[in-house]
């Protein structure tokens, strides 16, 4: 484990922490945004493969990052009109999505703030963030902890904990863009999502409140298939949608966390696959179709459309306004707990 200076955000120094495991995998985490800046894992031939998109400098993150590798919050994803009511009191959040809706906490959310380095060892790092009551319109002073662990079997384990001093809403997610072979795009990666249902959205990508079967639609990833899909008229189908996980393949660890298999991403080119296991009820799939960065990424890579895919375990977007969906309310005395593992290994 090494820690080095990575720049200054405002007046706060930002550090870059390098982790490694016994198998040779390497992860780099910066304290700005709790960002996983780099992640390299062994391919079947023993060489290392970079599997996330990242940037070389803090200035590039401040100016150009679309939440590369960050923890999005307080509320990841979208809230319609930036409005919600909690215990009879209305709250208004910043409208950072085209001036109409709130996205990822309202423009200056957790993914764009310096976190505090609490602890680091050879293969793990723990960061913390305090969000004061009223910040971005959210009630309650919230204390959040993020722990990244690079396990010996080549998984990136993401553990998120939080508590509040007053009722609030909370929906955190890890927001890495994955690319398992270093190609220009991920459209030929094969994806399987363990979901029979998704939440249909309007033109602003806000759920309409219904649940729709994926069967017979472009959202059917129940069996692995390439991300690339053309509709009947030949136009490309793009993805920035929420899937409701079946949670029918589960593991309960010795720590008591109930993880369910959410998705598998695989590359023929590298021979790698990534399995996503999580405690969360939903998975947002974003294929990166909007990417077009004016600066180069790690290793001089140019990140254009579909350069990476996000597989974001979380609650459903706009769920504070959709009471029939799982609640995102956190109350004093309760502990928010989320665990997600991105497990890498050879494609079989």
Protein backbone atom coordinates (compact mmCIF):
# COMPACT_ATOMS: atom_id res chain seq x y z
CA UNK A 1 0.00 0.00 0.00
CA UNK A 2 1.27 3.44 -0.89
CA UNK A 3 -0.22 6.89 -0.36
CA UNK A 4 0.81 9.91 -2.43
CA UNK A 5 -0.40 13.44 -3.00
CA UNK A 6 -2.73 13.78 -6.00
CA UNK A 7 -3.56 17.48 -5.95
CA UNK A 8 -5.84 19.92 -4.15
CA UNK A 9 -9.64 20.24 -4.50
CA UNK A 10 -10.54 23.74 -3.31
CA UNK A 11 -8.34 23.96 -0.21
CA UNK A 12 -8.42 20.21 0.58
CA UNK A 13 -5.45 17.98 -0.30
CA UNK A 14 -6.41 14.86 -2.27
CA UNK A 15 -4.52 11.60 -1.84
CA UNK A 16 -4.05 8.62 -4.15
CA UNK A 17 -3.88 5.23 -2.41
CA UNK A 18 -2.53 2.15 -4.23
CA UNK A 19 -3.75 -1.28 -3.11
CA UNK A 20 -2.51 -4.72 -4.19
CA UNK A 21 -3.41 -8.33 -3.46
CA UNK A 22 -1.43 -11.56 -3.47
CA UNK A 23 -2.61 -12.45 -6.98
CA UNK A 24 -1.07 -9.31 -8.45
CA UNK A 25 -4.22 -7.19 -8.90
CA UNK A 26 -3.81 -3.46 -8.32
CA UNK A 27 -6.35 -0.75 -7.44
CA UNK A 28 -5.86 2.98 -7.05
CA UNK A 29 -8.34 5.03 -5.00
CA UNK A 30 -8.38 8.80 -4.58
CA UNK A 31 -9.99 10.64 -1.71
CA UNK A 32 -11.85 12.99 -4.08
CA UNK A 33 -15.27 11.43 -4.64
CA UNK A 34 -14.08 8.13 -3.11
CA UNK A 35 -13.06 7.37 -6.70
CA UNK A 36 -11.60 4.07 -7.87
CA UNK A 37 -9.18 5.66 -10.33
CA UNK A 38 -7.64 2.46 -11.67
CA UNK A 39 -8.21 -1.27 -11.35
CA UNK A 40 -6.07 -3.94 -13.00
CA UNK A 41 -6.69 -7.66 -12.63
CA UNK A 42 -4.93 -10.77 -14.00
CA UNK A 43 -6.07 -12.12 -17.34
CA UNK A 44 -6.09 -15.91 -17.90
CA UNK A 45 -2.57 -15.62 -19.40
CA UNK A 46 -1.31 -13.93 -16.24
CA UNK A 47 -0.88 -10.42 -17.66
CA UNK A 48 -2.72 -7.51 -16.08
CA UNK A 49 -5.79 -5.98 -17.71
CA UNK A 50 -7.10 -2.53 -16.83
CA UNK A 51 -10.86 -2.93 -16.33
CA UNK A 52 -12.11 0.59 -15.44
CA UNK A 53 -11.97 4.00 -17.06
CA UNK A 54 -9.93 6.59 -15.19
CA UNK A 55 -8.07 9.88 -15.54
CA UNK A 56 -4.46 10.88 -14.98
CA UNK A 57 -4.87 14.12 -13.02
CA UNK A 58 -7.13 15.65 -10.40
CA UNK A 59 -7.73 18.62 -12.70
CA UNK A 60 -9.17 16.24 -15.28
CA UNK A 61 -11.51 14.76 -12.65
CA UNK A 62 -12.64 18.22 -11.54
CA UNK A 63 -13.31 19.41 -15.08
CA UNK A 64 -14.37 16.36 -17.07
CA UNK A 65 -15.25 13.25 -15.04
CA UNK A 66 -18.77 11.83 -15.53
CA UNK A 67 -18.58 10.19 -12.08
CA UNK A 68 -15.76 7.86 -13.16
CA UNK A 69 -15.34 5.38 -10.28
CA UNK A 70 -17.09 7.63 -7.74
CA UNK A 71 -19.61 7.05 -4.97
CA UNK A 72 -22.79 8.80 -6.10
CA UNK A 73 -25.05 10.27 -3.38
CA UNK A 74 -26.81 11.37 -1.28
CA UNK A 75 -29.27 10.06 -3.79
CA UNK A 76 -27.75 8.29 -6.77
CA UNK A 77 -29.70 8.51 -10.01
CA UNK A 78 -32.71 10.79 -10.57
CA UNK A 79 -35.45 12.41 -8.52
CA UNK A 80 -38.30 13.93 -10.51
CA UNK A 81 -38.37 17.70 -10.21
CA UNK A 82 -35.82 17.40 -7.40
CA UNK A 83 -38.76 17.17 -5.00
CA UNK A 84 -39.77 14.68 -2.33
CA UNK A 85 -41.88 14.70 0.83
CA UNK A 86 -40.71 13.04 4.03
CA UNK A 87 -42.90 12.83 7.13
CA UNK A 88 -45.19 15.49 5.67
CA UNK A 89 -42.41 18.00 4.96
CA UNK A 90 -41.55 18.93 1.36
CA UNK A 91 -37.91 19.18 0.28
CA UNK A 92 -36.43 20.74 -2.87
CA UNK A 93 -33.07 19.61 -4.30
CA UNK A 94 -30.88 21.30 -6.93
CA UNK A 95 -32.05 20.72 -10.53
CA UNK A 96 -28.81 19.73 -12.25
CA UNK A 97 -30.36 17.57 -15.00
CA UNK A 98 -31.31 20.06 -17.71
CA UNK A 99 -32.82 22.32 -15.05
CA UNK A 100 -35.69 19.91 -14.46
CA UNK A 101 -34.57 17.06 -12.22
CA UNK A 102 -31.98 16.19 -9.58
CA UNK A 103 -29.25 13.70 -10.53
CA UNK A 104 -26.63 12.06 -8.27
CA UNK A 105 -27.25 14.42 -5.36
CA UNK A 106 -27.80 17.64 -7.28
CA UNK A 107 -24.55 18.49 -9.04
CA UNK A 108 -22.21 18.68 -6.04
CA UNK A 109 -22.99 15.31 -4.52
CA UNK A 110 -20.75 12.80 -2.79
CA UNK A 111 -18.91 11.92 -6.01
CA UNK A 112 -17.62 15.50 -6.27
CA UNK A 113 -16.46 16.05 -2.68
CA UNK A 114 -13.21 15.33 -0.84
CA UNK A 115 -13.54 12.41 1.55
CA UNK A 116 -11.32 11.84 4.59
CA UNK A 117 -8.82 8.98 4.64
CA UNK A 118 -9.57 6.97 7.79
CA UNK A 119 -7.44 3.86 7.32
CA UNK A 120 -5.43 2.04 4.68
CA UNK A 121 -3.55 -1.23 4.60
CA UNK A 122 -2.09 -3.42 1.87
CA UNK A 123 -5.40 -4.34 0.23
CA UNK A 124 -8.06 -2.02 1.66
CA UNK A 125 -8.85 1.64 2.22
CA UNK A 126 -11.56 3.28 4.34
CA UNK A 127 -12.87 6.79 3.63
CA UNK A 128 -15.48 8.92 5.37
CA UNK A 129 -17.66 11.92 4.55
CA UNK A 130 -19.93 14.10 6.70
CA UNK A 131 -22.81 15.80 4.87
CA UNK A 132 -24.36 18.50 7.07
CA UNK A 133 -28.10 18.91 7.48
CA UNK A 134 -29.56 20.98 4.67
CA UNK A 135 -26.71 20.37 2.24
CA UNK A 136 -28.23 20.32 -1.27
CA UNK A 137 -31.64 20.45 0.40
CA UNK A 138 -31.38 17.08 2.13
CA UNK A 139 -32.50 16.83 5.77
CA UNK A 140 -30.34 15.33 8.48
CA UNK A 141 -26.61 15.36 9.14
CA UNK A 142 -25.35 12.19 7.46
CA UNK A 143 -22.08 10.41 8.18
CA UNK A 144 -20.99 7.95 5.47
CA UNK A 145 -18.14 5.44 5.37
CA UNK A 146 -16.82 3.72 2.24
CA UNK A 147 -14.43 0.78 2.43
CA UNK A 148 -12.82 -0.71 -0.68
CA UNK A 149 -11.11 -4.09 -0.39
CA UNK A 150 -9.14 -5.88 -3.08
CA UNK A 151 -9.66 -9.51 -2.12
CA UNK A 152 -7.18 -12.32 -2.75
CA UNK A 153 -9.61 -13.92 -5.23
CA UNK A 154 -9.63 -10.73 -7.35
CA UNK A 155 -12.85 -9.07 -6.28
CA UNK A 156 -13.31 -5.39 -5.61
CA UNK A 157 -15.52 -5.28 -2.52
CA UNK A 158 -17.41 -2.04 -1.89
CA UNK A 159 -18.87 -1.55 1.59
CA UNK A 160 -20.98 1.53 2.36
CA UNK A 161 -22.29 2.46 5.80
CA UNK A 162 -24.17 5.56 6.96
CA UNK A 163 -26.13 6.97 9.86
CA UNK A 164 -28.14 10.17 10.32
CA UNK A 165 -29.32 12.42 13.15
CA UNK A 166 -32.69 13.11 11.51
CA UNK A 167 -34.90 11.31 8.98
CA UNK A 168 -33.50 11.56 5.45
CA UNK A 169 -33.37 9.65 2.17
CA UNK A 170 -30.29 7.81 1.00
CA UNK A 171 -29.37 5.88 -2.14
CA UNK A 172 -25.66 5.31 -2.72
CA UNK A 173 -23.97 3.53 -5.61
CA UNK A 174 -20.51 2.82 -6.96
CA UNK A 175 -20.18 4.34 -10.42
CA UNK A 176 -17.20 2.75 -12.21
CA UNK A 177 -17.25 2.47 -15.99
CA UNK A 178 -16.04 -1.02 -16.87
CA UNK A 179 -14.20 -2.18 -19.98
CA UNK A 180 -12.75 -5.69 -19.71
CA UNK A 181 -10.43 -5.65 -22.73
CA UNK A 182 -9.24 -2.08 -23.36
CA UNK A 183 -11.10 -1.82 -26.66
CA UNK A 184 -12.58 1.41 -27.98
CA UNK A 185 -16.06 0.40 -26.80
CA UNK A 186 -17.91 -2.27 -24.85
CA UNK A 187 -20.61 -3.00 -27.44
CA UNK A 188 -19.29 -6.51 -28.08
CA UNK A 189 -19.02 -7.34 -24.39
CA UNK A 190 -21.62 -9.90 -23.40
CA UNK A 191 -23.96 -8.94 -20.57
CA UNK A 192 -26.37 -10.97 -18.45
CA UNK A 193 -28.64 -9.21 -15.94
CA UNK A 194 -30.55 -11.31 -13.42
CA UNK A 195 -33.84 -9.43 -13.79
CA UNK A 196 -37.29 -10.22 -15.17
CA UNK A 197 -38.57 -6.65 -14.70
CA UNK A 198 -37.41 -3.13 -15.41
CA UNK A 199 -38.82 0.33 -14.63
CA UNK A 200 -40.03 2.09 -17.83
CA UNK A 201 -38.97 5.73 -18.09
CA UNK A 202 -40.08 8.92 -19.83
CA UNK A 203 -37.95 11.09 -22.10
CA UNK A 204 -36.06 12.44 -19.09
CA UNK A 205 -35.22 8.92 -17.88
CA UNK A 206 -37.59 9.23 -14.91
CA UNK A 207 -39.58 6.07 -14.06
CA UNK A 208 -43.32 6.29 -14.69
CA UNK A 209 -43.96 4.10 -11.65
CA UNK A 210 -44.81 0.89 -13.49
CA UNK A 211 -42.88 -2.37 -13.71
CA UNK A 212 -42.54 -3.99 -17.12
CA UNK A 213 -41.40 -7.50 -18.10
CA UNK A 214 -38.15 -7.55 -20.06
CA UNK A 215 -39.30 -10.56 -22.12
CA UNK A 216 -39.56 -9.74 -25.80
CA UNK A 217 -37.95 -6.29 -25.38
CA UNK A 218 -34.47 -4.83 -25.96
CA UNK A 219 -34.06 -4.98 -22.17
CA UNK A 220 -33.98 -8.76 -22.02
CA UNK A 221 -30.53 -9.69 -20.71
CA UNK A 222 -31.69 -12.81 -18.88
CA UNK A 223 -29.31 -14.75 -21.10
CA UNK A 224 -25.91 -13.35 -21.96
CA UNK A 225 -25.83 -11.38 -25.19
CA UNK A 226 -23.77 -8.51 -26.65
CA UNK A 227 -24.55 -5.04 -25.34
CA UNK A 228 -24.87 -3.86 -28.95
CA UNK A 229 -28.43 -4.21 -30.22
CA UNK A 230 -30.15 -2.72 -33.24
CA UNK A 231 -33.90 -2.13 -33.23
CA UNK A 232 -36.19 -3.27 -36.03
CA UNK A 233 -35.57 -0.12 -38.08
CA UNK A 234 -31.79 -0.47 -37.72
CA UNK A 235 -31.26 2.27 -35.15
CA UNK A 236 -29.01 1.52 -32.18
CA UNK A 237 -30.60 0.78 -28.83
CA UNK A 238 -28.88 2.54 -25.92
CA UNK A 239 -29.20 1.85 -22.22
CA UNK A 240 -29.52 4.01 -19.12
CA UNK A 241 -32.21 2.00 -17.35
CA UNK A 242 -33.04 0.40 -14.03
CA UNK A 243 -33.57 -3.34 -13.65
CA UNK A 244 -35.34 -4.95 -10.68
CA UNK A 245 -33.19 -7.88 -9.55
CA UNK A 246 -34.67 -11.33 -8.97
CA UNK A 247 -32.30 -12.03 -6.05
CA UNK A 248 -32.83 -15.75 -6.57
CA UNK A 249 -29.14 -16.72 -6.49
CA UNK A 250 -27.84 -15.70 -3.09
CA UNK A 251 -24.92 -16.04 -0.73
CA UNK A 252 -24.92 -15.15 2.96
CA UNK A 253 -21.37 -14.48 4.09
CA UNK A 254 -19.83 -15.00 7.48
CA UNK A 255 -20.40 -11.27 8.09
CA UNK A 256 -24.15 -11.78 7.64
CA UNK A 257 -24.53 -9.78 4.44
CA UNK A 258 -27.04 -11.27 2.00
CA UNK A 259 -25.50 -10.89 -1.45
CA UNK A 260 -27.37 -11.81 -4.62
CA UNK A 261 -26.02 -12.29 -8.12
CA UNK A 262 -26.99 -9.24 -10.19
CA UNK A 263 -25.10 -9.44 -13.49
CA UNK A 264 -22.21 -10.94 -15.46
CA UNK A 265 -20.12 -9.01 -17.98
CA UNK A 266 -17.65 -10.87 -20.21
CA UNK A 267 -15.14 -10.19 -22.97
CA UNK A 268 -14.06 -12.73 -25.57
CA UNK A 269 -11.04 -10.60 -26.41
CA UNK A 270 -9.46 -10.65 -22.94
CA UNK A 271 -11.01 -13.89 -21.70
CA UNK A 272 -12.19 -12.08 -18.57
CA UNK A 273 -15.58 -11.96 -16.90
CA UNK A 274 -16.94 -9.89 -14.05
CA UNK A 275 -19.74 -11.08 -11.77
CA UNK A 276 -21.64 -8.48 -9.77
CA UNK A 277 -23.03 -9.52 -6.37
CA UNK A 278 -24.90 -7.07 -4.17
CA UNK A 279 -27.25 -6.45 -1.27
CA UNK A 280 -29.23 -3.93 -3.36
CA UNK A 281 -32.68 -4.50 -4.97
CA UNK A 282 -31.95 -2.92 -8.36
CA UNK A 283 -29.23 -2.43 -10.97
CA UNK A 284 -28.84 0.63 -13.19
CA UNK A 285 -27.22 -0.26 -16.52
CA UNK A 286 -25.65 2.63 -18.43
CA UNK A 287 -23.74 1.78 -21.58
CA UNK A 288 -21.80 5.06 -21.69
CA UNK A 289 -23.37 6.26 -24.95
CA UNK A 290 -22.90 9.92 -23.92
CA UNK A 291 -19.14 9.63 -23.30
CA UNK A 292 -16.91 11.93 -25.35
CA UNK A 293 -14.12 13.24 -23.15
CA UNK A 294 -11.86 16.03 -24.47
CA UNK A 295 -8.91 14.70 -22.45
CA UNK A 296 -7.16 11.37 -22.60
CA UNK A 297 -7.65 8.73 -19.96
CA UNK A 298 -5.33 6.22 -18.34
CA UNK A 299 -2.59 4.97 -20.63
CA UNK A 300 -3.48 7.61 -23.22
CA UNK A 301 -6.88 6.06 -23.98
CA UNK A 302 -9.49 8.18 -25.72
CA UNK A 303 -12.93 7.74 -24.16
CA UNK A 304 -15.63 8.10 -26.77
CA UNK A 305 -19.21 6.80 -26.89
CA UNK A 306 -19.64 3.41 -25.15
CA UNK A 307 -16.02 3.31 -23.95
CA UNK A 308 -17.26 1.78 -20.68
CA UNK A 309 -20.40 0.38 -19.10
CA UNK A 310 -21.73 1.16 -15.62
CA UNK A 311 -23.37 -1.59 -13.57
CA UNK A 312 -24.67 0.30 -10.54
CA UNK A 313 -26.38 -1.60 -7.69
CA UNK A 314 -28.83 0.73 -5.96
CA UNK A 315 -32.49 1.47 -5.29
CA UNK A 316 -34.84 2.51 -8.07
CA UNK A 317 -34.60 6.08 -9.37
CA UNK A 318 -37.22 8.49 -7.99
CA UNK A 319 -38.21 5.89 -5.39
CA UNK A 320 -38.91 8.57 -2.71
CA UNK A 321 -41.90 9.50 -4.91
CA UNK A 322 -42.88 5.89 -5.68
CA UNK A 323 -44.08 4.41 -2.36
CA UNK A 324 -44.75 0.96 -3.85
CA UNK A 325 -40.99 0.50 -4.41
CA UNK A 326 -38.49 -0.35 -1.64
CA UNK A 327 -37.99 2.58 0.71
CA UNK A 328 -34.85 4.73 0.78
CA UNK A 329 -35.72 6.43 4.08
CA UNK A 330 -33.02 6.32 6.75
CA UNK A 331 -33.96 7.24 10.32
CA UNK A 332 -31.92 8.00 13.43
CA UNK A 333 -30.76 4.86 15.19
CA UNK A 334 -30.74 2.81 11.97
CA UNK A 335 -27.57 1.90 10.10
CA UNK A 336 -27.49 2.02 6.29
CA UNK A 337 -25.47 -0.91 4.96
CA UNK A 338 -24.65 -1.78 1.37
CA UNK A 339 -22.16 -4.32 0.04
CA UNK A 340 -21.33 -4.92 -3.61
CA UNK A 341 -18.62 -7.19 -4.99
CA UNK A 342 -17.24 -7.00 -8.51
CA UNK A 343 -15.66 -10.44 -8.93
CA UNK A 344 -13.16 -10.95 -11.76
CA UNK A 345 -12.00 -14.22 -13.25
CA UNK A 346 -11.53 -16.19 -16.47
CA UNK A 347 -14.47 -16.51 -18.79
CA UNK A 348 -15.61 -20.13 -18.80
